[in-house]
C-alpha atoms as a PDB file:
ATOM      1  CA  TYR A   1    -212.887 -95.029 -92.759  1.00  0.00           C
ATOM      2  CA  ALA A   2    -215.292 -92.139 -92.230  1.00  0.00           C
ATOM      3  CA  ASP A   3    -217.377 -90.824 -89.353  1.00  0.00           C
ATOM      4  CA  ILE A   4    -220.993 -89.758 -89.445  1.00  0.00           C
ATOM      5  CA  SER A   5    -223.027 -89.089 -86.337  1.00  0.00           C
ATOM      6  CA  ASP A   6    -226.266 -87.709 -84.924  1.00  0.00           C
ATOM      7  CA  THR A   7    -228.224 -87.980 -88.151  1.00  0.00           C
ATOM      8  CA  HIS A   8    -231.477 -87.704 -86.155  1.00  0.00           C
ATOM      9  CA  TYR A   9    -233.644 -89.227 -88.877  1.00  0.00           C
ATOM     10  CA  GLY A  10    -237.265 -88.337 -88.205  1.00  0.00           C
ATOM     11  CA  SER A  11    -236.581 -84.837 -86.923  1.00  0.00           C
ATOM     12  CA  TRP A  12    -238.088 -81.949 -88.851  1.00  0.00           C
ATOM     13  CA  HIS A  13    -234.498 -80.717 -89.057  1.00  0.00           C
ATOM     14  CA  ASP A  14    -232.916 -83.901 -90.429  1.00  0.00           C
ATOM     15  CA  LEU A  15    -230.931 -83.665 -93.661  1.00  0.00           C
ATOM     16  CA  PRO A  16    -231.073 -87.050 -95.417  1.00  0.00           C
ATOM     17  CA  GLU A  17    -229.965 -85.550 -98.721  1.00  0.00           C
ATOM     18  CA  ILE A  18    -226.791 -84.202 -97.104  1.00  0.00           C
ATOM     19  CA  VAL A  19    -226.152 -87.549 -95.419  1.00  0.00           C
ATOM     20  CA  SER A  20    -226.452 -89.260 -98.800  1.00  0.00           C
ATOM     21  CA  VAL A  21    -223.983 -86.833-100.375  1.00  0.00           C
ATOM     22  CA  ALA A  22    -221.549 -87.334 -97.475  1.00  0.00           C
ATOM     23  CA  VAL A  23    -221.672 -91.139 -97.670  1.00  0.00           C
ATOM     24  CA  ASN A  24    -221.238 -91.140-101.436  1.00  0.00           C
ATOM     25  CA  ASP A  25    -218.354 -88.677-101.169  1.00  0.00           C
ATOM     26  CA  ALA A  26    -216.734 -90.884 -98.514  1.00  0.00           C
ATOM     27  CA  ALA A  27    -217.019 -93.885-100.826  1.00  0.00           C
ATOM     28  CA  LYS A  28    -215.431 -91.945-103.695  1.00  0.00           C
ATOM     29  CA  ALA A  29    -212.614 -90.845-101.380  1.00  0.00           C
ATOM     30  CA  GLY A  30    -211.817 -94.477-100.566  1.00  0.00           C
ATOM     31  CA  ALA A  31    -213.582 -95.063 -97.240  1.00  0.00           C
ATOM     32  CA  ARG A  32    -213.852 -98.772 -96.445  1.00  0.00           C
ATOM     33  CA  ARG A  33    -216.092 -98.494 -93.360  1.00  0.00           C
ATOM     34  CA  LEU A  34    -218.387 -95.928 -91.764  1.00  0.00           C
ATOM     35  CA  PHE A  35    -218.750 -95.395 -88.013  1.00  0.00           C
ATOM     36  CA  HIS A  36    -221.890 -93.871 -86.495  1.00  0.00           C
ATOM     37  CA  PRO A  37    -221.621 -93.171 -82.726  1.00  0.00           C
ATOM     38  CA  GLY A  38    -225.294 -92.739 -81.980  1.00  0.00           C
ATOM     39  CA  ASP A  39    -228.546 -90.879 -82.492  1.00  0.00           C
ATOM     40  CA  PHE A  40    -229.289 -92.547 -85.792  1.00  0.00           C
ATOM     41  CA  GLU A  41    -232.919 -91.565 -85.249  1.00  0.00           C
ATOM     42  CA  GLU A  42    -234.579 -88.611 -83.534  1.00  0.00           C
ATOM     43  CA  GLY A  43    -236.585 -90.816 -81.229  1.00  0.00           C
ATOM     44  CA  PRO A  44    -240.384 -91.087 -81.153  1.00  0.00           C
ATOM     45  CA  GLY A  45    -242.499 -88.050 -80.388  1.00  0.00           C
ATOM     46  CA  SER A  46    -244.059 -89.909 -77.463  1.00  0.00           C
ATOM     47  CA  GLY A  47    -240.757 -89.687 -75.555  1.00  0.00           C
ATOM     48  CA  GLY A  48    -237.907 -87.301 -74.896  1.00  0.00           C
ATOM     49  CA  TYR A  49    -238.110 -83.743 -73.641  1.00  0.00           C
ATOM     50  CA  ARG A  50    -241.279 -81.751 -73.120  1.00  0.00           C
ATOM     51  CA  GLY A  51    -242.656 -80.670 -76.482  1.00  0.00           C
ATOM     52  CA  HIS A  52    -240.590 -83.218 -78.392  1.00  0.00           C
ATOM     53  CA  GLN A  53    -243.694 -84.297 -80.304  1.00  0.00           C
ATOM     54  CA  ASN A  54    -243.564 -80.944 -82.106  1.00  0.00           C
ATOM     55  CA  ASP A  55    -240.035 -81.561 -83.388  1.00  0.00           C
ATOM     56  CA  VAL A  56    -240.549 -84.955 -85.026  1.00  0.00           C
ATOM     57  CA  ARG A  57    -242.064 -86.081 -88.296  1.00  0.00           C
ATOM     58  CA  PHE A  58    -243.671 -89.110 -86.647  1.00  0.00           C
ATOM     59  CA  ILE A  59    -245.052 -90.031 -83.241  1.00  0.00           C
ATOM     60  CA  SER A  60    -244.661 -93.771 -83.907  1.00  0.00           C
ATOM     61  CA  ALA A  61    -241.277 -95.506 -83.545  1.00  0.00           C
ATOM     62  CA  ASP A  62    -242.230 -97.861 -86.386  1.00  0.00           C
ATOM     63  CA  ASP A  63    -242.856 -94.925 -88.711  1.00  0.00           C
ATOM     64  CA  ILE A  64    -239.468 -93.419 -87.839  1.00  0.00           C
ATOM     65  CA  GLU A  65    -237.743 -96.724 -88.549  1.00  0.00           C
ATOM     66  CA  ASP A  66    -239.548 -97.083 -91.892  1.00  0.00           C
ATOM     67  CA  TYR A  67    -238.453 -93.577 -92.838  1.00  0.00           C
ATOM     68  CA  THR A  68    -234.844 -94.144 -91.750  1.00  0.00           C
ATOM     69  CA  ALA A  69    -234.584 -97.481 -93.549  1.00  0.00           C
ATOM     70  CA  VAL A  70    -235.624 -95.821 -96.797  1.00  0.00           C
ATOM     71  CA  LYS A  71    -233.451 -92.719 -96.370  1.00  0.00           C
ATOM     72  CA  TRP A  72    -230.182 -94.366 -95.296  1.00  0.00           C
ATOM     73  CA  PRO A  73    -227.858 -94.419 -98.365  1.00  0.00           C
ATOM     74  CA  LYS A  74    -227.046 -97.895 -99.646  1.00  0.00           C
ATOM     75  CA  VAL A  75    -223.659 -97.536-101.300  1.00  0.00           C
ATOM     76  CA  ASP A  76    -221.425-100.259-102.726  1.00  0.00           C
ATOM     77  CA  ILE A  77    -217.691 -99.822-103.225  1.00  0.00           C
ATOM     78  CA  ASP A  78    -215.057-101.451-105.424  1.00  0.00           C
ATOM     79  CA  VAL A  79    -212.661-103.802-103.645  1.00  0.00           C
ATOM     80  CA  ASP A  80    -209.022-103.593-104.661  1.00  0.00           C
ATOM     81  CA  PRO A  81    -207.638-107.174-104.943  1.00  0.00           C
ATOM     82  CA  LYS A  82    -204.407-105.848-103.419  1.00  0.00           C
ATOM     83  CA  TRP A  83    -206.316-104.715-100.315  1.00  0.00           C
ATOM     84  CA  PRO A  84    -209.155-107.138 -99.497  1.00  0.00           C
ATOM     85  CA  LEU A  85    -212.059-105.793 -97.464  1.00  0.00           C
ATOM     86  CA  VAL A  86    -213.586-107.295 -94.317  1.00  0.00           C
ATOM     87  CA  ILE A  87    -217.374-107.084 -94.171  1.00  0.00           C
ATOM     88  CA  THR A  88    -219.695-108.423 -91.481  1.00  0.00           C
ATOM     89  CA  ASN A  89    -222.422-110.985 -92.118  1.00  0.00           C
ATOM     90  CA  LEU A  90    -225.304-111.251 -89.648  1.00  0.00           C
ATOM     91  CA  SER A  91    -226.540-114.490 -88.135  1.00  0.00           C
ATOM     92  CA  PHE A  92    -228.086-115.556 -84.814  1.00  0.00           C
ATOM     93  CA  ASP A  93    -227.092-117.906 -82.014  1.00  0.00           C
ATOM     94  CA  GLU A  94    -229.357-120.560 -80.470  1.00  0.00           C
ATOM     95  CA  LYS A  95    -230.980-117.921 -78.233  1.00  0.00           C
ATOM     96  CA  GLY A  96    -231.651-115.554 -81.113  1.00  0.00           C
ATOM     97  CA  ALA A  97    -228.900-113.079 -80.174  1.00  0.00           C
ATOM     98  CA  LEU A  98    -227.030-111.267 -82.932  1.00  0.00           C
ATOM     99  CA  VAL A  99    -223.815-112.879 -84.131  1.00  0.00           C
ATOM    100  CA  TYR A 100    -221.615-111.168 -86.694  1.00  0.00           C
ATOM    101  CA  GLU A 101    -219.063-113.050 -88.763  1.00  0.00           C
ATOM    102  CA  ASP A 102    -216.195-111.247 -90.460  1.00  0.00           C
ATOM    103  CA  VAL A 103    -215.930-112.223 -94.125  1.00  0.00           C
ATOM    104  CA  LEU A 104    -213.049-111.284 -96.422  1.00  0.00           C
ATOM    105  CA  VAL A 105    -214.026-109.900 -99.842  1.00  0.00           C
ATOM    106  CA  LYS A 106    -211.076-110.136-102.217  1.00  0.00           C
ATOM    107  CA  SER A 107    -212.445-108.415-105.319  1.00  0.00           C
ATOM    108  CA  GLY A 108    -215.546-107.023-106.988  1.00  0.00           C
ATOM    109  CA  LYS A 109    -218.223-104.977-105.215  1.00  0.00           C
ATOM    110  CA  ALA A 110    -218.979-104.867-101.502  1.00  0.00           C
ATOM    111  CA  PRO A 111    -221.324-102.798 -99.318  1.00  0.00           C
ATOM    112  CA  LEU A 112    -219.939 -99.750 -97.555  1.00  0.00           C
ATOM    113  CA  GLN A 113    -220.993-100.865 -94.084  1.00  0.00           C
ATOM    114  CA  CYS A 114    -221.676 -98.641 -91.082  1.00  0.00           C
ATOM    115  CA  SER A 115    -220.822 -99.869 -87.574  1.00  0.00           C
ATOM    116  CA  ASN A 116    -223.144 -98.147 -85.120  1.00  0.00           C
ATOM    117  CA  ILE A 117    -224.416 -97.779 -81.562  1.00  0.00           C
ATOM    118  CA  ASP A 118    -227.380 -96.075 -79.886  1.00  0.00           C
ATOM    119  CA  GLY A 119    -227.387 -92.466 -78.710  1.00  0.00           C
ATOM    120  CA  ASN A 120    -229.407 -90.666 -76.061  1.00  0.00           C
ATOM    121  CA  HIS A 121    -232.316 -89.997 -78.444  1.00  0.00           C
ATOM    122  CA  ASP A 122    -232.323 -93.671 -79.443  1.00  0.00           C
ATOM    123  CA  LEU A 123    -232.316 -94.619 -75.772  1.00  0.00           C
ATOM    124  CA  TRP A 124    -235.515 -92.658 -75.134  1.00  0.00           C
ATOM    125  CA  GLU A 125    -237.263 -95.426 -77.035  1.00  0.00           C
ATOM    126  CA  PHE A 126    -235.286 -98.111 -75.213  1.00  0.00           C
ATOM    127  CA  LEU A 127    -236.320 -96.719 -71.828  1.00  0.00           C
ATOM    128  CA  MET A 128    -239.990 -96.768 -72.858  1.00  0.00           C
ATOM    129  CA  THR A 129    -240.117-100.122 -74.648  1.00  0.00           C
ATOM    130  CA  GLY A 130    -236.863-102.015 -74.083  1.00  0.00           C
ATOM    131  CA  ARG A 131    -236.166-101.863 -77.822  1.00  0.00           C
ATOM    132  CA  SER A 132    -232.919-100.552 -79.313  1.00  0.00           C
ATOM    133  CA  PRO A 133    -233.670 -98.488 -82.442  1.00  0.00           C
ATOM    134  CA  SER A 134    -230.164 -98.843 -83.914  1.00  0.00           C
ATOM    135  CA  ARG A 135    -230.166-102.593 -83.329  1.00  0.00           C
ATOM    136  CA  SER A 136    -233.603-102.907 -84.900  1.00  0.00           C
ATOM    137  CA  LEU A 137    -232.546-100.828 -87.887  1.00  0.00           C
ATOM    138  CA  SER A 138    -229.397-102.927 -88.307  1.00  0.00           C
ATOM    139  CA  LEU A 139    -231.538-106.068 -88.365  1.00  0.00           C
ATOM    140  CA  ARG A 140    -233.569-104.482 -91.127  1.00  0.00           C
ATOM    141  CA  LEU A 141    -230.557-103.416 -93.194  1.00  0.00           C
ATOM    142  CA  PRO A 142    -227.972-106.111 -92.360  1.00  0.00           C
ATOM    143  CA  LYS A 143    -226.077-105.653 -95.609  1.00  0.00           C
ATOM    144  CA  TYR A 144    -225.210-102.052 -94.752  1.00  0.00           C
ATOM    145  CA  LEU A 145    -225.536-101.661 -90.964  1.00  0.00           C
ATOM    146  CA  HIS A 146    -223.511-103.376 -88.242  1.00  0.00           C
ATOM    147  CA  TYR A 147    -224.730-102.886 -84.665  1.00  0.00           C
ATOM    148  CA  ILE A 148    -221.935-103.060 -82.064  1.00  0.00           C
ATOM    149  CA  GLY A 149    -223.719-101.825 -78.929  1.00  0.00           C
ATOM    150  CA  THR A 150    -224.321-104.364 -76.175  1.00  0.00           C
ATOM    151  CA  ARG A 151    -227.412-105.298 -74.212  1.00  0.00           C
ATOM    152  CA  GLN A 152    -225.820-103.708 -71.131  1.00  0.00           C
ATOM    153  CA  ILE A 153    -224.333-100.545 -72.672  1.00  0.00           C
ATOM    154  CA  HIS A 154    -226.179 -99.516 -75.811  1.00  0.00           C
ATOM    155  CA  ALA A 155    -224.400 -96.138 -76.148  1.00  0.00           C
ATOM    156  CA  SER A 156    -220.916 -97.626 -76.434  1.00  0.00           C
ATOM    157  CA  GLY A 157    -219.263-100.286 -78.527  1.00  0.00           C
ATOM    158  CA  SER A 158    -215.989-101.297 -80.152  1.00  0.00           C
ATOM    159  CA  TYR A 159    -214.798-103.044 -83.285  1.00  0.00           C
ATOM    160  CA  VAL A 160    -211.384-103.827 -84.763  1.00  0.00           C
ATOM    161  CA  PHE A 161    -211.229-102.870 -88.432  1.00  0.00           C
ATOM    162  CA  ASP A 162    -208.148-102.892 -90.659  1.00  0.00           C
ATOM    163  CA  GLY A 163    -205.990-103.421 -87.591  1.00  0.00           C
ATOM    164  CA  VAL A 164    -207.334-100.392 -85.707  1.00  0.00           C
ATOM    165  CA  PHE A 165    -209.365-100.590 -82.490  1.00  0.00           C
ATOM    166  CA  HIS A 166    -212.407 -98.353 -82.960  1.00  0.00           C
ATOM    167  CA  ARG A 167    -214.304 -97.224 -79.857  1.00  0.00           C
ATOM    168  CA  LEU A 168    -217.727 -95.647 -80.381  1.00  0.00           C
ATOM    169  CA  THR A 169    -219.261 -93.679 -77.523  1.00  0.00           C
ATOM    170  CA  HIS A 170    -222.263 -91.399 -77.187  1.00  0.00           C
ATOM    171  CA  PRO A 171    -221.607 -89.246 -74.094  1.00  0.00           C
ATOM    172  CA  LYS A 172    -224.244 -87.761 -71.828  1.00  0.00           C
ATOM    173  CA  GLY A 173    -224.776 -84.169 -70.797  1.00  0.00           C
ATOM    174  CA  GLY A 174    -223.713 -80.896 -72.333  1.00  0.00           C
ATOM    175  CA  ILE A 175    -220.384 -79.756 -73.719  1.00  0.00           C
ATOM    176  CA  GLY A 176    -219.343 -77.891 -70.571  1.00  0.00           C
ATOM    177  CA  TYR A 177    -216.859 -75.029 -70.569  1.00  0.00           C
ATOM    178  CA  THR A 178    -214.977 -76.243 -73.627  1.00  0.00           C
ATOM    179  CA  LEU A 179    -215.435 -79.049 -76.117  1.00  0.00           C
ATOM    180  CA  SER A 180    -211.782 -80.063 -75.830  1.00  0.00           C
ATOM    181  CA  ILE A 181    -212.078 -80.939 -72.121  1.00  0.00           C
ATOM    182  CA  LYS A 182    -215.038 -83.241 -72.791  1.00  0.00           C
ATOM    183  CA  VAL A 183    -213.177 -84.975 -75.623  1.00  0.00           C
ATOM    184  CA  GLN A 184    -209.970 -85.320 -73.585  1.00  0.00           C
ATOM    185  CA  LYS A 185    -211.925 -86.976 -70.774  1.00  0.00           C
ATOM    186  CA  HIS A 186    -213.040 -89.759 -73.101  1.00  0.00           C
ATOM    187  CA  LEU A 187    -209.587 -90.131 -74.656  1.00  0.00           C
ATOM    188  CA  ASP A 188    -208.056 -90.511 -71.199  1.00  0.00           C
ATOM    189  CA  ALA A 189    -210.645 -93.128 -70.260  1.00  0.00           C
ATOM    190  CA  GLU A 190    -209.871 -95.121 -73.393  1.00  0.00           C
ATOM    191  CA  THR A 191    -206.158 -95.025 -72.584  1.00  0.00           C
ATOM    192  CA  ARG A 192    -206.802 -96.319 -69.064  1.00  0.00           C
ATOM    193  CA  GLU A 193    -209.070 -99.173 -70.138  1.00  0.00           C
ATOM    194  CA  LYS A 194    -206.436-100.586 -72.534  1.00  0.00           C
ATOM    195  CA  GLU A 195    -208.930-102.831 -74.310  1.00  0.00           C
ATOM    196  CA  ASN A 196    -207.119-102.222 -77.576  1.00  0.00           C
ATOM    197  CA  ASN A 197    -204.451-104.852 -76.804  1.00  0.00           C
ATOM    198  CA  GLY A 198    -201.697-102.749 -78.289  1.00  0.00           C
ATOM    199  CA  LYS A 199    -203.554-101.778 -81.459  1.00  0.00           C
ATOM    200  CA  PRO A 200    -203.861 -98.175 -82.666  1.00  0.00           C
ATOM    201  CA  VAL A 201    -207.009 -96.562 -81.287  1.00  0.00           C
ATOM    202  CA  ALA A 202    -209.633 -94.384 -82.958  1.00  0.00           C
ATOM    203  CA  VAL A 203    -212.278 -92.907 -80.655  1.00  0.00           C
ATOM    204  CA  HIS A 204    -215.562 -91.851 -82.276  1.00  0.00           C
ATOM    205  CA  LEU A 205    -217.720 -89.534 -80.162  1.00  0.00           C
ATOM    206  CA  GLY A 206    -221.326 -88.656 -80.866  1.00  0.00           C
ATOM    207  CA  HIS A 207    -223.634 -86.141 -79.184  1.00  0.00           C
ATOM    208  CA  LEU A 208    -221.223 -83.178 -79.065  1.00  0.00           C
ATOM    209  CA  HIS A 209    -222.877 -81.051 -81.711  1.00  0.00           C
END
């Protein structure tokens, strides 16, 4: 698998060309899944910190989503018959909530999917409108994006892939005195929660950049 985080699509400082190179390089290196722990988008200029409108390409959340949907790299990978690949297919329950079904692909081509959550920039939009940008984007690109945040905790989510328990978290606040202390805090919390049920654990942290 491979990590990519804090892409901040819609910022004047975003680098979609670099993201595309990174995703394609990951595919060539054999990555079977991507994990994105938040801040997919920069967040609309109408929200965020004072002066944020000067740092974004678009004021409208819809315009940012359109831009991100076009820029996100859609990469397919070859599936080795000796190592089938699990992909997620999107459907909905009777209330319209997202339901993902794991499907085993035994050969041929398959999408390099990206499991994702919201970050603090994404949540600026959620606080204004009640809409999750990463969830909305995943609905738009269901072949390639897999939203694993929850309605209660958008900036955290987990998924078991290839026998490994993957925890995605987008922390709050600054780095503090040292980056290592912030990271260790989240690793310790994951160890205490023991949601992995004995599986190996990979913790993916966004925000700390």
